[in-house]
């Protein structure tokens, strides 16, 4: 088993994670992709936790916005209710 880490730093001055990030690559075998956003205040947000497996070489693509939405809804309590915003 091996672990690889990549750190991408860029200047982003907003509270909401960017929605235009796409992580892609090529793999063979099995691996887990974890993407964590670390804010300047030190808080971290888990955006992606996804498993991949293929016996042959295969391309993969993860759009951060789609995976982040899935992680957000997994973390919400079961009795959480959403209400429309009043205008």
PDB file of N, CA and C in Angstrom:
ATOM      1  N   UNK A   1       0.843  -1.176   0.000  1.00  0.00           N
ATOM      2  CA  UNK A   1       0.000   0.000   0.000  1.00  0.00           C
ATOM      3  C   UNK A   1       0.886   1.236   0.000  1.00  0.00           C
ATOM      4  N   UNK A   2       0.524   2.213  -0.795  1.00  0.00           N
ATOM      5  CA  UNK A   2       1.264   3.474  -0.801  1.00  0.00           C
ATOM      6  C   UNK A   2       0.273   4.626  -0.651  1.00  0.00           C
ATOM      7  N   UNK A   3       0.769   5.723  -0.122  1.00  0.00           N
ATOM      8  CA  UNK A   3      -0.050   6.915   0.070  1.00  0.00           C
ATOM      9  C   UNK A   3       0.611   8.063  -0.671  1.00  0.00           C
ATOM     10  N   UNK A   4      -0.168   8.752  -1.475  1.00  0.00           N
ATOM     11  CA  UNK A   4       0.332   9.927  -2.189  1.00  0.00           C
ATOM     12  C   UNK A   4      -0.463  11.141  -1.728  1.00  0.00           C
ATOM     13  N   UNK A   5       0.218  12.247  -1.579  1.00  0.00           N
ATOM     14  CA  UNK A   5      -0.426  13.482  -1.156  1.00  0.00           C
ATOM     15  C   UNK A   5      -0.060  14.591  -2.124  1.00  0.00           C
ATOM     16  N   UNK A   6      -1.046  15.364  -2.516  1.00  0.00           N
ATOM     17  CA  UNK A   6      -0.806  16.536  -3.356  1.00  0.00           C
ATOM     18  C   UNK A   6      -1.452  17.732  -2.670  1.00  0.00           C
ATOM     19  N   UNK A   7      -0.729  18.816  -2.597  1.00  0.00           N
ATOM     20  CA  UNK A   7      -1.248  20.040  -1.993  1.00  0.00           C
ATOM     21  C   UNK A   7      -1.310  21.105  -3.074  1.00  0.00           C
ATOM     22  N   UNK A   8      -2.511  21.629  -3.302  1.00  0.00           N
ATOM     23  CA  UNK A   8      -2.709  22.688  -4.282  1.00  0.00           C
ATOM     24  C   UNK A   8      -3.071  23.950  -3.513  1.00  0.00           C
ATOM     25  N   UNK A   9      -2.248  24.971  -3.624  1.00  0.00           N
ATOM     26  CA  UNK A   9      -2.515  26.221  -2.934  1.00  0.00           C
ATOM     27  C   UNK A   9      -2.880  27.299  -3.940  1.00  0.00           C
ATOM     28  N   UNK A  10      -3.921  28.070  -3.615  1.00  0.00           N
ATOM     29  CA  UNK A  10      -4.276  29.206  -4.440  1.00  0.00           C
ATOM     30  C   UNK A  10      -5.039  30.199  -3.581  1.00  0.00           C
ATOM     31  N   UNK A  11      -5.080  31.431  -4.021  1.00  0.00           N
ATOM     32  CA  UNK A  11      -5.713  32.511  -3.283  1.00  0.00           C
ATOM     33  C   UNK A  11      -7.209  32.507  -3.602  1.00  0.00           C
ATOM     34  N   UNK A  12      -8.025  32.204  -2.603  1.00  0.00           N
ATOM     35  CA  UNK A  12      -9.473  32.144  -2.766  1.00  0.00           C
ATOM     36  C   UNK A  12     -10.080  32.758  -1.521  1.00  0.00           C
ATOM     37  N   UNK A  13     -10.707  33.905  -1.631  1.00  0.00           N
ATOM     38  CA  UNK A  13     -11.132  34.688  -0.470  1.00  0.00           C
ATOM     39  C   UNK A  13     -12.633  34.621  -0.200  1.00  0.00           C
ATOM     40  N   UNK A  14     -13.223  33.430  -0.280  1.00  0.00           N
ATOM     41  CA  UNK A  14     -14.656  33.283  -0.041  1.00  0.00           C
ATOM     42  C   UNK A  14     -14.904  32.154   0.947  1.00  0.00           C
ATOM     43  N   UNK A  15     -16.077  32.143   1.575  1.00  0.00           N
ATOM     44  CA  UNK A  15     -16.417  31.110   2.555  1.00  0.00           C
ATOM     45  C   UNK A  15     -16.887  29.807   1.921  1.00  0.00           C
ATOM     46  N   UNK A  16     -17.429  29.889   0.712  1.00  0.00           N
ATOM     47  CA  UNK A  16     -17.984  28.719   0.047  1.00  0.00           C
ATOM     48  C   UNK A  16     -16.902  28.089  -0.825  1.00  0.00           C
ATOM     49  N   UNK A  17     -16.769  26.746  -0.793  1.00  0.00           N
ATOM     50  CA  UNK A  17     -15.757  26.109  -1.640  1.00  0.00           C
ATOM     51  C   UNK A  17     -16.008  26.399  -3.112  1.00  0.00           C
ATOM     52  N   UNK A  18     -14.970  26.486  -3.914  1.00  0.00           N
ATOM     53  CA  UNK A  18     -15.145  26.725  -5.349  1.00  0.00           C
ATOM     54  C   UNK A  18     -15.892  25.568  -5.994  1.00  0.00           C
ATOM     55  N   UNK A  19     -16.660  25.877  -7.031  1.00  0.00           N
ATOM     56  CA  UNK A  19     -17.443  24.829  -7.691  1.00  0.00           C
ATOM     57  C   UNK A  19     -16.864  24.433  -9.041  1.00  0.00           C
ATOM     58  N   UNK A  20     -15.744  24.992  -9.402  1.00  0.00           N
ATOM     59  CA  UNK A  20     -15.210  24.737 -10.731  1.00  0.00           C
ATOM     60  C   UNK A  20     -13.958  23.868 -10.722  1.00  0.00           C
ATOM     61  N   UNK A  21     -13.722  23.126  -9.642  1.00  0.00           N
ATOM     62  CA  UNK A  21     -12.541  22.267  -9.579  1.00  0.00           C
ATOM     63  C   UNK A  21     -12.878  20.857 -10.053  1.00  0.00           C
ATOM     64  N   UNK A  22     -12.047  20.332 -10.939  1.00  0.00           N
ATOM     65  CA  UNK A  22     -12.209  18.965 -11.426  1.00  0.00           C
ATOM     66  C   UNK A  22     -10.869  18.262 -11.237  1.00  0.00           C
ATOM     67  N   UNK A  23     -10.892  17.108 -10.594  1.00  0.00           N
ATOM     68  CA  UNK A  23      -9.689  16.310 -10.368  1.00  0.00           C
ATOM     69  C   UNK A  23      -9.807  15.094 -11.266  1.00  0.00           C
ATOM     70  N   UNK A  24      -8.795  14.882 -12.092  1.00  0.00           N
ATOM     71  CA  UNK A  24      -8.854  13.738 -12.991  1.00  0.00           C
ATOM     72  C   UNK A  24      -7.491  13.086 -13.104  1.00  0.00           C
ATOM     73  N   UNK A  25      -7.522  11.827 -13.519  1.00  0.00           N
ATOM     74  CA  UNK A  25      -6.276  11.085 -13.651  1.00  0.00           C
ATOM     75  C   UNK A  25      -6.525   9.730 -14.280  1.00  0.00           C
ATOM     76  N   UNK A  26      -5.539   8.875 -14.166  1.00  0.00           N
ATOM     77  CA  UNK A  26      -5.592   7.529 -14.753  1.00  0.00           C
ATOM     78  C   UNK A  26      -5.083   6.564 -13.700  1.00  0.00           C
ATOM     79  N   UNK A  27      -5.729   5.405 -13.591  1.00  0.00           N
ATOM     80  CA  UNK A  27      -5.333   4.448 -12.561  1.00  0.00           C
ATOM     81  C   UNK A  27      -5.560   3.010 -13.011  1.00  0.00           C
ATOM     82  N   UNK A  28      -4.945   2.104 -12.271  1.00  0.00           N
ATOM     83  CA  UNK A  28      -5.155   0.673 -12.425  1.00  0.00           C
ATOM     84  C   UNK A  28      -5.077   0.092 -11.015  1.00  0.00           C
ATOM     85  N   UNK A  29      -6.031  -0.746 -10.665  1.00  0.00           N
ATOM     86  CA  UNK A  29      -6.074  -1.305  -9.312  1.00  0.00           C
ATOM     87  C   UNK A  29      -7.159  -0.619  -8.500  1.00  0.00           C
ATOM     88  N   UNK A  30      -6.880  -0.386  -7.222  1.00  0.00           N
ATOM     89  CA  UNK A  30      -7.864   0.237  -6.341  1.00  0.00           C
ATOM     90  C   UNK A  30      -7.228   1.382  -5.585  1.00  0.00           C
ATOM     91  N   UNK A  31      -8.002   2.423  -5.363  1.00  0.00           N
ATOM     92  CA  UNK A  31      -7.535   3.512  -4.521  1.00  0.00           C
ATOM     93  C   UNK A  31      -8.727   4.309  -4.006  1.00  0.00           C
ATOM     94  N   UNK A  32      -8.483   5.080  -2.964  1.00  0.00           N
ATOM     95  CA  UNK A  32      -9.487   5.972  -2.402  1.00  0.00           C
ATOM     96  C   UNK A  32      -9.004   7.399  -2.589  1.00  0.00           C
ATOM     97  N   UNK A  33      -9.872   8.233  -3.114  1.00  0.00           N
ATOM     98  CA  UNK A  33      -9.550   9.643  -3.311  1.00  0.00           C
ATOM     99  C   UNK A  33     -10.224  10.443  -2.201  1.00  0.00           C
ATOM    100  N   UNK A  34      -9.431  11.142  -1.400  1.00  0.00           N
ATOM    101  CA  UNK A  34      -9.937  12.029  -0.357  1.00  0.00           C
ATOM    102  C   UNK A  34      -9.485  13.437  -0.694  1.00  0.00           C
ATOM    103  N   UNK A  35     -10.433  14.359  -0.762  1.00  0.00           N
ATOM    104  CA  UNK A  35     -10.095  15.760  -1.011  1.00  0.00           C
ATOM    105  C   UNK A  35     -10.626  16.567   0.164  1.00  0.00           C
ATOM    106  N   UNK A  36      -9.713  17.291   0.798  1.00  0.00           N
ATOM    107  CA  UNK A  36     -10.051  18.093   1.970  1.00  0.00           C
ATOM    108  C   UNK A  36      -9.672  19.536   1.683  1.00  0.00           C
ATOM    109  N   UNK A  37     -10.612  20.438   1.932  1.00  0.00           N
ATOM    110  CA  UNK A  37     -10.355  21.861   1.775  1.00  0.00           C
ATOM    111  C   UNK A  37      -9.941  22.408   3.132  1.00  0.00           C
ATOM    112  N   UNK A  38      -8.779  23.053   3.196  1.00  0.00           N
ATOM    113  CA  UNK A  38      -8.345  23.704   4.425  1.00  0.00           C
ATOM    114  C   UNK A  38      -8.461  25.205   4.240  1.00  0.00           C
ATOM    115  N   UNK A  39      -9.313  25.809   5.060  1.00  0.00           N
ATOM    116  CA  UNK A  39      -9.542  27.245   4.977  1.00  0.00           C
ATOM    117  C   UNK A  39      -8.401  28.001   5.650  1.00  0.00           C
ATOM    118  N   UNK A  40      -8.247  29.271   5.325  1.00  0.00           N
ATOM    119  CA  UNK A  40      -7.182  30.074   5.959  1.00  0.00           C
ATOM    120  C   UNK A  40      -7.303  30.136   7.475  1.00  0.00           C
ATOM    121  N   UNK A  41      -8.528  29.988   8.021  1.00  0.00           N
ATOM    122  CA  UNK A  41      -8.696  30.021   9.473  1.00  0.00           C
ATOM    123  C   UNK A  41      -8.367  28.681  10.125  1.00  0.00           C
ATOM    124  N   UNK A  42      -7.931  27.695   9.318  1.00  0.00           N
ATOM    125  CA  UNK A  42      -7.527  26.399   9.856  1.00  0.00           C
ATOM    126  C   UNK A  42      -8.626  25.348   9.847  1.00  0.00           C
ATOM    127  N   UNK A  43      -9.871  25.742   9.640  1.00  0.00           N
ATOM    128  CA  UNK A  43     -10.967  24.778   9.559  1.00  0.00           C
ATOM    129  C   UNK A  43     -10.835  23.950   8.286  1.00  0.00           C
ATOM    130  N   UNK A  44     -11.187  22.679   8.385  1.00  0.00           N
ATOM    131  CA  UNK A  44     -11.128  21.799   7.214  1.00  0.00           C
ATOM    132  C   UNK A  44     -12.528  21.325   6.856  1.00  0.00           C
ATOM    133  N   UNK A  45     -12.743  21.121   5.575  1.00  0.00           N
ATOM    134  CA  UNK A  45     -14.019  20.636   5.057  1.00  0.00           C
ATOM    135  C   UNK A  45     -13.715  19.438   4.161  1.00  0.00           C
ATOM    136  N   UNK A  46     -14.276  18.278   4.491  1.00  0.00           N
ATOM    137  CA  UNK A  46     -14.111  17.083   3.667  1.00  0.00           C
ATOM    138  C   UNK A  46     -15.039  17.194   2.465  1.00  0.00           C
ATOM    139  N   UNK A  47     -14.462  17.286   1.282  1.00  0.00           N
ATOM    140  CA  UNK A  47     -15.252  17.459   0.067  1.00  0.00           C
ATOM    141  C   UNK A  47     -15.516  16.157  -0.670  1.00  0.00           C
ATOM    142  N   UNK A  48     -14.535  15.265  -0.694  1.00  0.00           N
ATOM    143  CA  UNK A  48     -14.654  14.034  -1.474  1.00  0.00           C
ATOM    144  C   UNK A  48     -14.052  12.874  -0.702  1.00  0.00           C
ATOM    145  N   UNK A  49     -14.744  11.747  -0.713  1.00  0.00           N
ATOM    146  CA  UNK A  49     -14.219  10.481  -0.207  1.00  0.00           C
ATOM    147  C   UNK A  49     -14.820   9.409  -1.104  1.00  0.00           C
ATOM    148  N   UNK A  50     -14.059   8.987  -2.101  1.00  0.00           N
ATOM    149  CA  UNK A  50     -14.612   8.108  -3.132  1.00  0.00           C
ATOM    150  C   UNK A  50     -13.628   6.983  -3.445  1.00  0.00           C
ATOM    151  N   UNK A  51     -14.142   5.766  -3.574  1.00  0.00           N
ATOM    152  CA  UNK A  51     -13.327   4.593  -3.908  1.00  0.00           C
ATOM    153  C   UNK A  51     -13.398   4.300  -5.404  1.00  0.00           C
ATOM    154  N   UNK A  52     -12.266   3.895  -5.953  1.00  0.00           N
ATOM    155  CA  UNK A  52     -12.173   3.508  -7.360  1.00  0.00           C
ATOM    156  C   UNK A  52     -11.521   2.138  -7.454  1.00  0.00           C
ATOM    157  N   UNK A  53     -11.967   1.345  -8.424  1.00  0.00           N
ATOM    158  CA  UNK A  53     -11.373   0.029  -8.627  1.00  0.00           C
ATOM    159  C   UNK A  53     -11.530  -0.385 -10.086  1.00  0.00           C
ATOM    160  N   UNK A  54     -10.431  -0.866 -10.678  1.00  0.00           N
ATOM    161  CA  UNK A  54     -10.474  -1.356 -12.054  1.00  0.00           C
ATOM    162  C   UNK A  54      -9.269  -2.272 -12.282  1.00  0.00           C
ATOM    163  N   UNK A  55      -9.480  -3.434 -12.891  1.00  0.00           N
ATOM    164  CA  UNK A  55      -8.354  -4.335 -13.171  1.00  0.00           C
ATOM    165  C   UNK A  55      -7.491  -3.857 -14.346  1.00  0.00           C
ATOM    166  N   UNK A  56      -8.010  -2.926 -15.136  1.00  0.00           N
ATOM    167  CA  UNK A  56      -7.262  -2.396 -16.277  1.00  0.00           C
ATOM    168  C   UNK A  56      -7.112  -0.885 -16.126  1.00  0.00           C
ATOM    169  N   UNK A  57      -6.210  -0.288 -16.898  1.00  0.00           N
ATOM    170  CA  UNK A  57      -6.032   1.163 -16.839  1.00  0.00           C
ATOM    171  C   UNK A  57      -7.334   1.864 -17.209  1.00  0.00           C
ATOM    172  N   UNK A  58      -7.679   2.870 -16.417  1.00  0.00           N
ATOM    173  CA  UNK A  58      -8.943   3.564 -16.615  1.00  0.00           C
ATOM    174  C   UNK A  58      -8.789   5.031 -16.210  1.00  0.00           C
ATOM    175  N   UNK A  59      -9.453   5.925 -16.949  1.00  0.00           N
ATOM    176  CA  UNK A  59      -9.476   7.345 -16.589  1.00  0.00           C
ATOM    177  C   UNK A  59     -10.535   7.572 -15.528  1.00  0.00           C
ATOM    178  N   UNK A  60     -10.292   8.543 -14.648  1.00  0.00           N
ATOM    179  CA  UNK A  60     -11.322   8.933 -13.699  1.00  0.00           C
ATOM    180  C   UNK A  60     -11.420  10.447 -13.667  1.00  0.00           C
ATOM    181  N   UNK A  61     -12.583  10.920 -13.252  1.00  0.00           N
ATOM    182  CA  UNK A  61     -12.865  12.355 -13.187  1.00  0.00           C
ATOM    183  C   UNK A  61     -13.796  12.591 -12.016  1.00  0.00           C
ATOM    184  N   UNK A  62     -13.463  13.544 -11.165  1.00  0.00           N
ATOM    185  CA  UNK A  62     -14.317  13.907 -10.032  1.00  0.00           C
ATOM    186  C   UNK A  62     -14.532  15.412 -10.064  1.00  0.00           C
ATOM    187  N   UNK A  63     -15.795  15.813 -10.192  1.00  0.00           N
ATOM    188  CA  UNK A  63     -16.149  17.234 -10.119  1.00  0.00           C
ATOM    189  C   UNK A  63     -16.408  17.561  -8.652  1.00  0.00           C
ATOM    190  N   UNK A  64     -15.662  18.501  -8.109  1.00  0.00           N
ATOM    191  CA  UNK A  64     -15.741  18.808  -6.690  1.00  0.00           C
ATOM    192  C   UNK A  64     -17.155  19.203  -6.268  1.00  0.00           C
ATOM    193  N   UNK A  65     -17.846  19.990  -7.061  1.00  0.00           N
ATOM    194  CA  UNK A  65     -19.183  20.455  -6.654  1.00  0.00           C
ATOM    195  C   UNK A  65     -20.148  19.292  -6.448  1.00  0.00           C
ATOM    196  N   UNK A  66     -20.158  18.320  -7.350  1.00  0.00           N
ATOM    197  CA  UNK A  66     -21.078  17.186  -7.235  1.00  0.00           C
ATOM    198  C   UNK A  66     -20.763  16.335  -6.009  1.00  0.00           C
ATOM    199  N   UNK A  67     -19.488  16.018  -5.802  1.00  0.00           N
ATOM    200  CA  UNK A  67     -19.104  15.183  -4.674  1.00  0.00           C
ATOM    201  C   UNK A  67     -19.291  15.917  -3.349  1.00  0.00           C
ATOM    202  N   UNK A  68     -19.024  17.225  -3.335  1.00  0.00           N
ATOM    203  CA  UNK A  68     -19.185  18.004  -2.098  1.00  0.00           C
ATOM    204  C   UNK A  68     -20.649  18.018  -1.675  1.00  0.00           C
ATOM    205  N   UNK A  69     -21.563  18.110  -2.620  1.00  0.00           N
ATOM    206  CA  UNK A  69     -22.990  18.080  -2.284  1.00  0.00           C
ATOM    207  C   UNK A  69     -23.350  16.754  -1.636  1.00  0.00           C
ATOM    208  N   UNK A  70     -22.837  15.647  -2.174  1.00  0.00           N
ATOM    209  CA  UNK A  70     -23.129  14.331  -1.597  1.00  0.00           C
ATOM    210  C   UNK A  70     -22.611  14.247  -0.162  1.00  0.00           C
ATOM    211  N   UNK A  71     -21.382  14.741   0.069  1.00  0.00           N
ATOM    212  CA  UNK A  71     -20.797  14.695   1.411  1.00  0.00           C
ATOM    213  C   UNK A  71     -21.599  15.564   2.376  1.00  0.00           C
ATOM    214  N   UNK A  72     -22.063  16.723   1.926  1.00  0.00           N
ATOM    215  CA  UNK A  72     -22.849  17.613   2.770  1.00  0.00           C
ATOM    216  C   UNK A  72     -24.124  16.918   3.226  1.00  0.00           C
ATOM    217  N   UNK A  73     -24.839  16.308   2.292  1.00  0.00           N
ATOM    218  CA  UNK A  73     -26.104  15.689   2.656  1.00  0.00           C
ATOM    219  C   UNK A  73     -25.904  14.437   3.497  1.00  0.00           C
ATOM    220  N   UNK A  74     -24.779  13.734   3.369  1.00  0.00           N
ATOM    221  CA  UNK A  74     -24.485  12.603   4.251  1.00  0.00           C
ATOM    222  C   UNK A  74     -24.286  13.080   5.688  1.00  0.00           C
ATOM    223  N   UNK A  75     -23.723  14.278   5.854  1.00  0.00           N
ATOM    224  CA  UNK A  75     -23.390  14.785   7.180  1.00  0.00           C
ATOM    225  C   UNK A  75     -24.581  15.399   7.909  1.00  0.00           C
ATOM    226  N   UNK A  76     -25.656  15.731   7.196  1.00  0.00           N
ATOM    227  CA  UNK A  76     -26.807  16.358   7.835  1.00  0.00           C
ATOM    228  C   UNK A  76     -27.580  15.349   8.682  1.00  0.00           C
ATOM    229  N   UNK A  77     -28.146  15.799   9.831  1.00  0.00           N
ATOM    230  CA  UNK A  77     -28.967  14.897  10.636  1.00  0.00           C
ATOM    231  C   UNK A  77     -30.202  14.448   9.850  1.00  0.00           C
ATOM    232  N   UNK A  78     -30.712  13.256  10.166  1.00  0.00           N
ATOM    233  CA  UNK A  78     -31.850  12.712   9.420  1.00  0.00           C
ATOM    234  C   UNK A  78     -33.102  13.566   9.569  1.00  0.00           C
ATOM    235  N   UNK A  79     -33.233  14.290  10.676  1.00  0.00           N
ATOM    236  CA  UNK A  79     -34.431  15.102  10.884  1.00  0.00           C
ATOM    237  C   UNK A  79     -34.252  16.540  10.374  1.00  0.00           C
ATOM    238  N   UNK A  80     -33.166  16.799   9.629  1.00  0.00           N
ATOM    239  CA  UNK A  80     -32.906  18.131   9.096  1.00  0.00           C
ATOM    240  C   UNK A  80     -33.961  18.468   8.043  1.00  0.00           C
ATOM    241  N   UNK A  81     -34.520  19.676   8.140  1.00  0.00           N
ATOM    242  CA  UNK A  81     -35.531  20.103   7.176  1.00  0.00           C
ATOM    243  C   UNK A  81     -35.043  21.364   6.473  1.00  0.00           C
ATOM    244  N   UNK A  82     -35.258  21.410   5.180  1.00  0.00           N
ATOM    245  CA  UNK A  82     -34.890  22.602   4.421  1.00  0.00           C
ATOM    246  C   UNK A  82     -36.151  23.404   4.151  1.00  0.00           C
ATOM    247  N   UNK A  83     -36.039  24.703   4.280  1.00  0.00           N
ATOM    248  CA  UNK A  83     -37.161  25.605   4.026  1.00  0.00           C
ATOM    249  C   UNK A  83     -36.762  26.581   2.947  1.00  0.00           C
ATOM    250  N   UNK A  84     -37.735  26.984   2.098  1.00  0.00           N
ATOM    251  CA  UNK A  84     -37.392  27.968   1.076  1.00  0.00           C
ATOM    252  C   UNK A  84     -37.062  29.320   1.707  1.00  0.00           C
ATOM    253  N   UNK A  85     -36.168  30.058   1.069  1.00  0.00           N
ATOM    254  CA  UNK A  85     -35.831  31.396   1.556  1.00  0.00           C
ATOM    255  C   UNK A  85     -36.988  32.348   1.303  1.00  0.00           C
ATOM    256  N   UNK A  86     -37.249  33.210   2.286  1.00  0.00           N
ATOM    257  CA  UNK A  86     -38.300  34.223   2.111  1.00  0.00           C
ATOM    258  C   UNK A  86     -37.695  35.396   1.366  1.00  0.00           C
ATOM    259  N   UNK A  87     -38.448  35.919   0.411  1.00  0.00           N
ATOM    260  CA  UNK A  87     -37.950  37.061  -0.362  1.00  0.00           C
ATOM    261  C   UNK A  87     -38.690  38.313   0.007  1.00  0.00           C
TER     262      UNK A  87
END
